[in-house]
């Protein structure tokens, strides 16, 4: 495990951020594309260059709904995730109109292994990343909810995508983001140090991408076991995997760092951290 920003990791106030993308290889990540087996990097979409995780479509003749995600190797519950991203170039031929300068980070996601073979997106909470179109407002750090719902203003919200109050970022500039996840309690989106969206109680429910379509909504996105998910309506999402999307527009990611907020909360232990908010004293070292 690699940390940054700390001089003395025994100091209980020092934040131990883990670098979850090492900039060299994808050994800690798993890949799942719709209509492909696990860990098939379809048409070499996910690449690494100059310590950047690049999502590219150089080998595509047409996108043809080949949606994919790349998942970090283990799930988390209470944590902070920092990252930088930028959109580059032009959208791949055959990509959906809504997918232009559009990508995202999935959190509280089902595992890559549990995706159905043809499934386009995992059941998860999506922190949607959008680039400006050089005209009008187009915020980023939004919320989308494939197979999920959240509580906002003390009411359940089934809208598939909910806009943040962020600025619009045109061009190919790097944009810094942060996600603060408190298990099944609260999630906060931060863009360039500004809190742009927050909501509570992420849960399974609603449609997959459009509840008005009913069964068609699930099956058209490759979900074969929709009855399983429908039976879990209202179940709180307390933890899950982190995944980066491939949706047809090239995007770069770098500086992906994670701070686990779950750990030893016994102040007598050697590995106690004052910033932990979720107790797991089975990890305590004395």
C-alpha atoms as a PDB file:
ATOM      1  CA  UNK A   1       0.000   0.000   0.000  1.00  0.00           C
ATOM      2  CA  UNK A   2       1.338   3.427  -0.959  1.00  0.00           C
ATOM      3  CA  UNK A   3       0.542   6.669   0.817  1.00  0.00           C
ATOM      4  CA  UNK A   4       1.119  10.300   0.012  1.00  0.00           C
ATOM      5  CA  UNK A   5       1.066  13.525   1.995  1.00  0.00           C
ATOM      6  CA  UNK A   6       2.304  12.060   5.276  1.00  0.00           C
ATOM      7  CA  UNK A   7       5.590  12.417   7.156  1.00  0.00           C
ATOM      8  CA  UNK A   8       4.737  10.240  10.155  1.00  0.00           C
ATOM      9  CA  UNK A   9       1.995   7.694   9.572  1.00  0.00           C
ATOM     10  CA  UNK A  10       1.835   6.952  13.320  1.00  0.00           C
ATOM     11  CA  UNK A  11       0.415  10.437  13.895  1.00  0.00           C
ATOM     12  CA  UNK A  12      -3.302   9.899  14.505  1.00  0.00           C
ATOM     13  CA  UNK A  13      -4.194  13.166  12.767  1.00  0.00           C
ATOM     14  CA  UNK A  14      -2.284  12.507   9.548  1.00  0.00           C
ATOM     15  CA  UNK A  15      -4.504  11.323   6.690  1.00  0.00           C
ATOM     16  CA  UNK A  16      -3.192   8.174   5.016  1.00  0.00           C
ATOM     17  CA  UNK A  17      -4.349   8.469   1.418  1.00  0.00           C
ATOM     18  CA  UNK A  18      -3.923   5.358  -0.691  1.00  0.00           C
ATOM     19  CA  UNK A  19      -2.983   5.672  -4.355  1.00  0.00           C
ATOM     20  CA  UNK A  20      -5.371   3.176  -5.963  1.00  0.00           C
ATOM     21  CA  UNK A  21      -4.189   3.768  -9.537  1.00  0.00           C
ATOM     22  CA  UNK A  22      -0.411   3.322  -9.644  1.00  0.00           C
ATOM     23  CA  UNK A  23       0.063   4.902 -13.083  1.00  0.00           C
ATOM     24  CA  UNK A  24       1.911   1.823 -14.371  1.00  0.00           C
ATOM     25  CA  UNK A  25      -0.550  -1.025 -14.853  1.00  0.00           C
ATOM     26  CA  UNK A  26      -4.092  -2.217 -14.151  1.00  0.00           C
ATOM     27  CA  UNK A  27      -3.241  -5.155 -11.883  1.00  0.00           C
ATOM     28  CA  UNK A  28      -5.559  -3.873  -9.129  1.00  0.00           C
ATOM     29  CA  UNK A  29      -8.494  -3.343 -11.499  1.00  0.00           C
ATOM     30  CA  UNK A  30     -11.073  -5.558 -13.205  1.00  0.00           C
ATOM     31  CA  UNK A  31     -12.814  -4.829 -16.500  1.00  0.00           C
ATOM     32  CA  UNK A  32     -16.351  -5.665 -17.599  1.00  0.00           C
ATOM     33  CA  UNK A  33     -17.848  -4.669 -20.954  1.00  0.00           C
ATOM     34  CA  UNK A  34     -21.354  -5.432 -22.094  1.00  0.00           C
ATOM     35  CA  UNK A  35     -21.352  -8.641 -24.174  1.00  0.00           C
ATOM     36  CA  UNK A  36     -17.790  -9.526 -23.156  1.00  0.00           C
ATOM     37  CA  UNK A  37     -16.347 -11.862 -20.562  1.00  0.00           C
ATOM     38  CA  UNK A  38     -14.831 -10.519 -17.369  1.00  0.00           C
ATOM     39  CA  UNK A  39     -11.433  -8.836 -17.815  1.00  0.00           C
ATOM     40  CA  UNK A  40     -11.632  -8.569 -21.604  1.00  0.00           C
ATOM     41  CA  UNK A  41     -10.252  -5.104 -22.373  1.00  0.00           C
ATOM     42  CA  UNK A  42     -12.440  -4.699 -25.455  1.00  0.00           C
ATOM     43  CA  UNK A  43     -10.491  -3.140 -28.336  1.00  0.00           C
ATOM     44  CA  UNK A  44      -7.848  -1.981 -25.842  1.00  0.00           C
ATOM     45  CA  UNK A  45     -10.193   0.738 -24.552  1.00  0.00           C
ATOM     46  CA  UNK A  46      -8.469   1.178 -21.179  1.00  0.00           C
ATOM     47  CA  UNK A  47      -4.846   2.211 -21.606  1.00  0.00           C
ATOM     48  CA  UNK A  48      -2.067   3.753 -19.534  1.00  0.00           C
ATOM     49  CA  UNK A  49       0.235   6.471 -20.781  1.00  0.00           C
ATOM     50  CA  UNK A  50       2.347   8.975 -18.833  1.00  0.00           C
ATOM     51  CA  UNK A  51       0.738   7.888 -15.515  1.00  0.00           C
ATOM     52  CA  UNK A  52      -2.733   8.560 -16.939  1.00  0.00           C
ATOM     53  CA  UNK A  53      -5.549   6.039 -17.177  1.00  0.00           C
ATOM     54  CA  UNK A  54      -6.932   6.722 -20.633  1.00  0.00           C
ATOM     55  CA  UNK A  55     -10.300   5.635 -22.014  1.00  0.00           C
ATOM     56  CA  UNK A  56      -9.807   5.655 -25.793  1.00  0.00           C
ATOM     57  CA  UNK A  57     -11.538   4.375 -28.913  1.00  0.00           C
ATOM     58  CA  UNK A  58      -8.748   4.311 -31.483  1.00  0.00           C
ATOM     59  CA  UNK A  59      -9.616   0.746 -32.512  1.00  0.00           C
ATOM     60  CA  UNK A  60     -13.367   1.275 -32.891  1.00  0.00           C
ATOM     61  CA  UNK A  61     -15.128   1.620 -36.221  1.00  0.00           C
ATOM     62  CA  UNK A  62     -18.314   2.417 -34.294  1.00  0.00           C
ATOM     63  CA  UNK A  63     -19.181   2.415 -30.601  1.00  0.00           C
ATOM     64  CA  UNK A  64     -22.290   0.229 -31.023  1.00  0.00           C
ATOM     65  CA  UNK A  65     -23.354   0.307 -27.362  1.00  0.00           C
ATOM     66  CA  UNK A  66     -20.187  -1.366 -26.138  1.00  0.00           C
ATOM     67  CA  UNK A  67     -20.441   0.199 -22.690  1.00  0.00           C
ATOM     68  CA  UNK A  68     -17.822  -0.808 -20.162  1.00  0.00           C
ATOM     69  CA  UNK A  69     -16.482  -0.139 -16.696  1.00  0.00           C
ATOM     70  CA  UNK A  70     -13.175  -0.705 -14.956  1.00  0.00           C
ATOM     71  CA  UNK A  71     -13.505  -1.601 -11.249  1.00  0.00           C
ATOM     72  CA  UNK A  72     -11.074  -1.242  -8.368  1.00  0.00           C
ATOM     73  CA  UNK A  73     -10.362  -4.617  -6.814  1.00  0.00           C
ATOM     74  CA  UNK A  74     -12.278  -4.308  -3.537  1.00  0.00           C
ATOM     75  CA  UNK A  75     -15.384  -2.601  -2.131  1.00  0.00           C
ATOM     76  CA  UNK A  76     -15.477   0.297   0.330  1.00  0.00           C
ATOM     77  CA  UNK A  77     -18.115   1.779   2.585  1.00  0.00           C
ATOM     78  CA  UNK A  78     -16.916   4.955   4.333  1.00  0.00           C
ATOM     79  CA  UNK A  79     -14.273   6.843   2.398  1.00  0.00           C
ATOM     80  CA  UNK A  80     -13.160   9.880   0.426  1.00  0.00           C
ATOM     81  CA  UNK A  81     -12.150   9.561  -3.217  1.00  0.00           C
ATOM     82  CA  UNK A  82     -10.113  12.241  -4.988  1.00  0.00           C
ATOM     83  CA  UNK A  83      -9.432  12.258  -8.718  1.00  0.00           C
ATOM     84  CA  UNK A  84      -8.754  14.435 -11.752  1.00  0.00           C
ATOM     85  CA  UNK A  85     -10.310  13.987 -15.181  1.00  0.00           C
ATOM     86  CA  UNK A  86     -10.397  15.643 -18.582  1.00  0.00           C
ATOM     87  CA  UNK A  87     -12.306  14.995 -21.785  1.00  0.00           C
ATOM     88  CA  UNK A  88     -10.223  14.817 -24.950  1.00  0.00           C
ATOM     89  CA  UNK A  89     -10.799  14.730 -28.694  1.00  0.00           C
ATOM     90  CA  UNK A  90     -14.087  13.862 -30.321  1.00  0.00           C
ATOM     91  CA  UNK A  91     -16.803  11.376 -29.481  1.00  0.00           C
ATOM     92  CA  UNK A  92     -16.519   8.000 -31.164  1.00  0.00           C
ATOM     93  CA  UNK A  93     -18.770   7.382 -34.147  1.00  0.00           C
ATOM     94  CA  UNK A  94     -21.921   5.590 -33.118  1.00  0.00           C
ATOM     95  CA  UNK A  95     -21.995   6.969 -29.577  1.00  0.00           C
ATOM     96  CA  UNK A  96     -25.318   8.165 -28.180  1.00  0.00           C
ATOM     97  CA  UNK A  97     -26.083  11.872 -28.367  1.00  0.00           C
ATOM     98  CA  UNK A  98     -26.298  12.149 -24.584  1.00  0.00           C
ATOM     99  CA  UNK A  99     -22.853  10.534 -24.219  1.00  0.00           C
ATOM    100  CA  UNK A 100     -20.895  13.387 -25.829  1.00  0.00           C
ATOM    101  CA  UNK A 101     -18.337  14.598 -23.264  1.00  0.00           C
ATOM    102  CA  UNK A 102     -20.046  12.329 -20.755  1.00  0.00           C
ATOM    103  CA  UNK A 103     -18.555   9.762 -18.395  1.00  0.00           C
ATOM    104  CA  UNK A 104     -18.733   8.915 -14.722  1.00  0.00           C
ATOM    105  CA  UNK A 105     -17.512   7.184 -11.608  1.00  0.00           C
ATOM    106  CA  UNK A 106     -19.729   4.471 -10.178  1.00  0.00           C
ATOM    107  CA  UNK A 107     -19.763   4.036  -6.391  1.00  0.00           C
ATOM    108  CA  UNK A 108     -21.598   1.547  -4.155  1.00  0.00           C
ATOM    109  CA  UNK A 109     -21.579  -0.603  -7.301  1.00  0.00           C
ATOM    110  CA  UNK A 110     -22.308  -4.287  -7.631  1.00  0.00           C
ATOM    111  CA  UNK A 111     -19.192  -6.340  -8.282  1.00  0.00           C
ATOM    112  CA  UNK A 112     -17.894  -6.776 -11.835  1.00  0.00           C
ATOM    113  CA  UNK A 113     -18.410 -10.537 -11.493  1.00  0.00           C
ATOM    114  CA  UNK A 114     -22.116 -10.091 -10.702  1.00  0.00           C
ATOM    115  CA  UNK A 115     -22.900  -8.113 -13.862  1.00  0.00           C
ATOM    116  CA  UNK A 116     -24.980 -10.029 -16.383  1.00  0.00           C
ATOM    117  CA  UNK A 117     -23.129 -10.843 -19.603  1.00  0.00           C
ATOM    118  CA  UNK A 118     -24.867  -8.165 -21.703  1.00  0.00           C
ATOM    119  CA  UNK A 119     -25.367  -5.605 -18.912  1.00  0.00           C
ATOM    120  CA  UNK A 120     -24.482  -2.051 -19.959  1.00  0.00           C
ATOM    121  CA  UNK A 121     -24.122  -0.481 -16.508  1.00  0.00           C
ATOM    122  CA  UNK A 122     -23.855  -1.879 -12.976  1.00  0.00           C
ATOM    123  CA  UNK A 123     -26.542  -1.226 -10.394  1.00  0.00           C
ATOM    124  CA  UNK A 124     -24.831   1.615  -8.563  1.00  0.00           C
ATOM    125  CA  UNK A 125     -24.690   5.297  -7.737  1.00  0.00           C
ATOM    126  CA  UNK A 126     -23.063   7.247 -10.576  1.00  0.00           C
ATOM    127  CA  UNK A 127     -21.164  10.473 -10.073  1.00  0.00           C
ATOM    128  CA  UNK A 128     -21.722  11.770 -13.587  1.00  0.00           C
ATOM    129  CA  UNK A 129     -18.891  13.737 -15.199  1.00  0.00           C
ATOM    130  CA  UNK A 130     -19.804  16.110 -18.020  1.00  0.00           C
ATOM    131  CA  UNK A 131     -17.755  18.472 -20.159  1.00  0.00           C
ATOM    132  CA  UNK A 132     -19.122  21.714 -21.488  1.00  0.00           C
ATOM    133  CA  UNK A 133     -20.227  21.942 -25.119  1.00  0.00           C
ATOM    134  CA  UNK A 134     -18.947  25.516 -25.561  1.00  0.00           C
ATOM    135  CA  UNK A 135     -22.487  26.837 -25.345  1.00  0.00           C
ATOM    136  CA  UNK A 136     -24.713  27.248 -22.322  1.00  0.00           C
ATOM    137  CA  UNK A 137     -24.428  25.661 -18.907  1.00  0.00           C
ATOM    138  CA  UNK A 138     -23.557  22.009 -18.442  1.00  0.00           C
ATOM    139  CA  UNK A 139     -22.687  21.186 -14.824  1.00  0.00           C
ATOM    140  CA  UNK A 140     -20.539  18.243 -13.761  1.00  0.00           C
ATOM    141  CA  UNK A 141     -20.473  16.115 -10.624  1.00  0.00           C
ATOM    142  CA  UNK A 142     -24.118  15.221 -11.167  1.00  0.00           C
ATOM    143  CA  UNK A 143     -25.955  12.142  -9.864  1.00  0.00           C
ATOM    144  CA  UNK A 144     -27.334   9.311 -12.004  1.00  0.00           C
ATOM    145  CA  UNK A 145     -29.011   6.218 -10.610  1.00  0.00           C
ATOM    146  CA  UNK A 146     -28.957   2.945 -12.601  1.00  0.00           C
ATOM    147  CA  UNK A 147     -31.270   0.719 -10.574  1.00  0.00           C
ATOM    148  CA  UNK A 148     -31.061   2.993  -7.540  1.00  0.00           C
ATOM    149  CA  UNK A 149     -32.669   5.957  -5.790  1.00  0.00           C
ATOM    150  CA  UNK A 150     -31.714   8.441  -3.066  1.00  0.00           C
ATOM    151  CA  UNK A 151     -33.291  10.666  -0.450  1.00  0.00           C
ATOM    152  CA  UNK A 152     -33.194  14.401  -1.153  1.00  0.00           C
ATOM    153  CA  UNK A 153     -35.044  17.042   0.852  1.00  0.00           C
ATOM    154  CA  UNK A 154     -36.398  14.232   3.035  1.00  0.00           C
ATOM    155  CA  UNK A 155     -38.168  12.601   0.072  1.00  0.00           C
ATOM    156  CA  UNK A 156     -37.186   9.670  -2.110  1.00  0.00           C
ATOM    157  CA  UNK A 157     -36.029  10.840  -5.531  1.00  0.00           C
ATOM    158  CA  UNK A 158     -36.379   8.426  -8.451  1.00  0.00           C
ATOM    159  CA  UNK A 159     -35.122  10.815 -11.151  1.00  0.00           C
ATOM    160  CA  UNK A 160     -32.443   9.064 -13.145  1.00  0.00           C
ATOM    161  CA  UNK A 161     -30.121  12.078 -13.368  1.00  0.00           C
ATOM    162  CA  UNK A 162     -30.019  15.046 -10.992  1.00  0.00           C
ATOM    163  CA  UNK A 163     -27.896  18.060 -11.838  1.00  0.00           C
ATOM    164  CA  UNK A 164     -25.386  19.589  -9.455  1.00  0.00           C
ATOM    165  CA  UNK A 165     -24.745  23.311  -9.061  1.00  0.00           C
ATOM    166  CA  UNK A 166     -21.196  23.149 -10.429  1.00  0.00           C
ATOM    167  CA  UNK A 167     -19.624  25.430 -12.978  1.00  0.00           C
ATOM    168  CA  UNK A 168     -19.308  24.364 -16.622  1.00  0.00           C
ATOM    169  CA  UNK A 169     -15.893  23.162 -17.762  1.00  0.00           C
ATOM    170  CA  UNK A 170     -15.281  23.485 -21.505  1.00  0.00           C
ATOM    171  CA  UNK A 171     -12.248  22.311 -23.444  1.00  0.00           C
ATOM    172  CA  UNK A 172      -9.657  19.754 -22.391  1.00  0.00           C
ATOM    173  CA  UNK A 173      -8.759  21.202 -19.004  1.00  0.00           C
ATOM    174  CA  UNK A 174      -8.166  18.963 -16.001  1.00  0.00           C
ATOM    175  CA  UNK A 175     -10.967  19.102 -13.437  1.00  0.00           C
ATOM    176  CA  UNK A 176     -10.503  18.022  -9.817  1.00  0.00           C
ATOM    177  CA  UNK A 177     -13.247  16.085  -8.072  1.00  0.00           C
ATOM    178  CA  UNK A 178     -13.854  14.520  -4.689  1.00  0.00           C
ATOM    179  CA  UNK A 179     -16.559  12.163  -3.439  1.00  0.00           C
ATOM    180  CA  UNK A 180     -17.250  11.785   0.282  1.00  0.00           C
ATOM    181  CA  UNK A 181     -19.108   8.565   1.042  1.00  0.00           C
ATOM    182  CA  UNK A 182     -20.581   7.808   4.458  1.00  0.00           C
ATOM    183  CA  UNK A 183     -21.854   4.281   3.868  1.00  0.00           C
ATOM    184  CA  UNK A 184     -25.620   4.211   3.483  1.00  0.00           C
ATOM    185  CA  UNK A 185     -26.020   7.551   5.211  1.00  0.00           C
ATOM    186  CA  UNK A 186     -24.823  10.439   3.064  1.00  0.00           C
ATOM    187  CA  UNK A 187     -22.836  11.101  -0.119  1.00  0.00           C
ATOM    188  CA  UNK A 188     -21.332  14.448  -1.137  1.00  0.00           C
ATOM    189  CA  UNK A 189     -19.910  15.545  -4.514  1.00  0.00           C
ATOM    190  CA  UNK A 190     -17.152  18.182  -4.621  1.00  0.00           C
ATOM    191  CA  UNK A 191     -15.808  19.811  -7.798  1.00  0.00           C
ATOM    192  CA  UNK A 192     -12.793  22.134  -7.625  1.00  0.00           C
ATOM    193  CA  UNK A 193     -13.205  22.425  -3.836  1.00  0.00           C
ATOM    194  CA  UNK A 194     -16.878  23.434  -4.081  1.00  0.00           C
ATOM    195  CA  UNK A 195     -19.621  21.202  -2.678  1.00  0.00           C
ATOM    196  CA  UNK A 196     -21.981  20.833  -5.630  1.00  0.00           C
ATOM    197  CA  UNK A 197     -24.417  18.088  -4.575  1.00  0.00           C
ATOM    198  CA  UNK A 198     -25.320  15.982  -1.557  1.00  0.00           C
ATOM    199  CA  UNK A 199     -27.980  13.379  -0.824  1.00  0.00           C
ATOM    200  CA  UNK A 200     -28.829  10.673   1.676  1.00  0.00           C
ATOM    201  CA  UNK A 201     -29.755   7.007   1.988  1.00  0.00           C
ATOM    202  CA  UNK A 202     -28.661   5.523  -1.377  1.00  0.00           C
ATOM    203  CA  UNK A 203     -30.780   2.461  -2.043  1.00  0.00           C
ATOM    204  CA  UNK A 204     -31.879  -0.074  -4.623  1.00  0.00           C
ATOM    205  CA  UNK A 205     -35.072   1.032  -6.360  1.00  0.00           C
ATOM    206  CA  UNK A 206     -36.738   2.835  -9.226  1.00  0.00           C
ATOM    207  CA  UNK A 207     -36.067   1.893 -12.809  1.00  0.00           C
ATOM    208  CA  UNK A 208     -32.729   1.077 -14.347  1.00  0.00           C
ATOM    209  CA  UNK A 209     -32.451   4.272 -16.363  1.00  0.00           C
ATOM    210  CA  UNK A 210     -36.089   5.230 -16.900  1.00  0.00           C
ATOM    211  CA  UNK A 211     -38.754   3.863 -14.571  1.00  0.00           C
ATOM    212  CA  UNK A 212     -41.517   4.818 -17.036  1.00  0.00           C
ATOM    213  CA  UNK A 213     -40.371   2.063 -19.394  1.00  0.00           C
ATOM    214  CA  UNK A 214     -40.832  -0.765 -16.892  1.00  0.00           C
ATOM    215  CA  UNK A 215     -39.421  -4.137 -17.980  1.00  0.00           C
ATOM    216  CA  UNK A 216     -38.145  -2.736 -21.275  1.00  0.00           C
ATOM    217  CA  UNK A 217     -35.916  -0.388 -19.312  1.00  0.00           C
ATOM    218  CA  UNK A 218     -34.089  -3.276 -17.628  1.00  0.00           C
ATOM    219  CA  UNK A 219     -33.926  -5.743 -20.503  1.00  0.00           C
ATOM    220  CA  UNK A 220     -32.801  -3.162 -23.070  1.00  0.00           C
ATOM    221  CA  UNK A 221     -29.772  -2.541 -20.847  1.00  0.00           C
ATOM    222  CA  UNK A 222     -28.876  -6.221 -20.722  1.00  0.00           C
ATOM    223  CA  UNK A 223     -30.105  -7.010 -17.217  1.00  0.00           C
ATOM    224  CA  UNK A 224     -31.234 -10.642 -17.219  1.00  0.00           C
ATOM    225  CA  UNK A 225     -32.049 -11.015 -13.507  1.00  0.00           C
ATOM    226  CA  UNK A 226     -34.206  -7.932 -13.029  1.00  0.00           C
ATOM    227  CA  UNK A 227     -36.491  -9.876 -10.666  1.00  0.00           C
ATOM    228  CA  UNK A 228     -33.596 -10.157  -8.239  1.00  0.00           C
ATOM    229  CA  UNK A 229     -33.104  -6.397  -8.170  1.00  0.00           C
ATOM    230  CA  UNK A 230     -36.824  -5.658  -8.019  1.00  0.00           C
ATOM    231  CA  UNK A 231     -37.083  -7.920  -4.961  1.00  0.00           C
ATOM    232  CA  UNK A 232     -34.484  -5.744  -3.241  1.00  0.00           C
ATOM    233  CA  UNK A 233     -36.465  -2.502  -3.629  1.00  0.00           C
ATOM    234  CA  UNK A 234     -35.603  -0.172  -0.743  1.00  0.00           C
ATOM    235  CA  UNK A 235     -32.476  -2.025   0.408  1.00  0.00           C
ATOM    236  CA  UNK A 236     -29.901   0.541   1.581  1.00  0.00           C
ATOM    237  CA  UNK A 237     -26.570   0.530  -0.261  1.00  0.00           C
ATOM    238  CA  UNK A 238     -23.971   0.620   2.521  1.00  0.00           C
ATOM    239  CA  UNK A 239     -20.909  -0.343   0.496  1.00  0.00           C
ATOM    240  CA  UNK A 240     -19.785  -1.337  -2.973  1.00  0.00           C
ATOM    241  CA  UNK A 241     -17.190  -1.150  -5.693  1.00  0.00           C
ATOM    242  CA  UNK A 242     -15.709   1.916  -7.410  1.00  0.00           C
ATOM    243  CA  UNK A 243     -15.692   1.891 -11.218  1.00  0.00           C
ATOM    244  CA  UNK A 244     -14.758   4.267 -14.052  1.00  0.00           C
ATOM    245  CA  UNK A 245     -16.926   4.359 -17.162  1.00  0.00           C
ATOM    246  CA  UNK A 246     -16.437   3.912 -20.884  1.00  0.00           C
ATOM    247  CA  UNK A 247     -19.349   5.586 -22.708  1.00  0.00           C
ATOM    248  CA  UNK A 248     -17.936   6.571 -26.144  1.00  0.00           C
ATOM    249  CA  UNK A 249     -16.151   9.904 -25.498  1.00  0.00           C
ATOM    250  CA  UNK A 250     -12.408   9.755 -24.741  1.00  0.00           C
ATOM    251  CA  UNK A 251     -11.554  10.709 -21.162  1.00  0.00           C
ATOM    252  CA  UNK A 252      -8.397  10.702 -19.034  1.00  0.00           C
ATOM    253  CA  UNK A 253      -8.120  10.032 -15.287  1.00  0.00           C
ATOM    254  CA  UNK A 254      -5.159  10.651 -13.011  1.00  0.00           C
ATOM    255  CA  UNK A 255      -4.266  11.113  -9.327  1.00  0.00           C
ATOM    256  CA  UNK A 256      -6.918   8.676  -8.087  1.00  0.00           C
ATOM    257  CA  UNK A 257      -6.519   8.599  -4.303  1.00  0.00           C
ATOM    258  CA  UNK A 258      -8.656   7.051  -1.580  1.00  0.00           C
ATOM    259  CA  UNK A 259      -8.876   7.776   2.142  1.00  0.00           C
ATOM    260  CA  UNK A 260     -10.590   4.979   4.067  1.00  0.00           C
ATOM    261  CA  UNK A 261     -12.733   6.405   6.868  1.00  0.00           C
ATOM    262  CA  UNK A 262     -13.339   3.004   8.438  1.00  0.00           C
ATOM    263  CA  UNK A 263     -10.811   1.545  10.858  1.00  0.00           C
ATOM    264  CA  UNK A 264      -9.526   1.270  14.403  1.00  0.00           C
ATOM    265  CA  UNK A 265     -11.180   3.848  16.662  1.00  0.00           C
ATOM    266  CA  UNK A 266      -9.509   2.795  19.920  1.00  0.00           C
ATOM    267  CA  UNK A 267      -7.223   5.688  20.808  1.00  0.00           C
ATOM    268  CA  UNK A 268      -4.907   3.293  22.662  1.00  0.00           C
ATOM    269  CA  UNK A 269      -4.089   1.403  19.470  1.00  0.00           C
ATOM    270  CA  UNK A 270      -1.025   2.118  17.348  1.00  0.00           C
ATOM    271  CA  UNK A 271      -3.103   2.499  14.174  1.00  0.00           C
ATOM    272  CA  UNK A 272      -5.853   4.692  15.637  1.00  0.00           C
ATOM    273  CA  UNK A 273      -6.841   7.588  13.398  1.00  0.00           C
ATOM    274  CA  UNK A 274      -8.812  10.567  14.616  1.00  0.00           C
ATOM    275  CA  UNK A 275     -10.579  10.977  11.261  1.00  0.00           C
ATOM    276  CA  UNK A 276     -12.160   7.515  11.224  1.00  0.00           C
ATOM    277  CA  UNK A 277     -15.947   7.754  11.425  1.00  0.00           C
ATOM    278  CA  UNK A 278     -16.827   4.059  11.157  1.00  0.00           C
ATOM    279  CA  UNK A 279     -15.497   1.627  13.729  1.00  0.00           C
ATOM    280  CA  UNK A 280     -13.674  -1.553  12.765  1.00  0.00           C
ATOM    281  CA  UNK A 281     -11.703  -2.365  15.878  1.00  0.00           C
ATOM    282  CA  UNK A 282     -10.843  -5.818  14.554  1.00  0.00           C
ATOM    283  CA  UNK A 283      -8.047  -3.984  12.728  1.00  0.00           C
ATOM    284  CA  UNK A 284      -6.579  -2.460  15.897  1.00  0.00           C
ATOM    285  CA  UNK A 285      -2.849  -3.043  16.508  1.00  0.00           C
ATOM    286  CA  UNK A 286      -1.494  -2.703  20.051  1.00  0.00           C
END
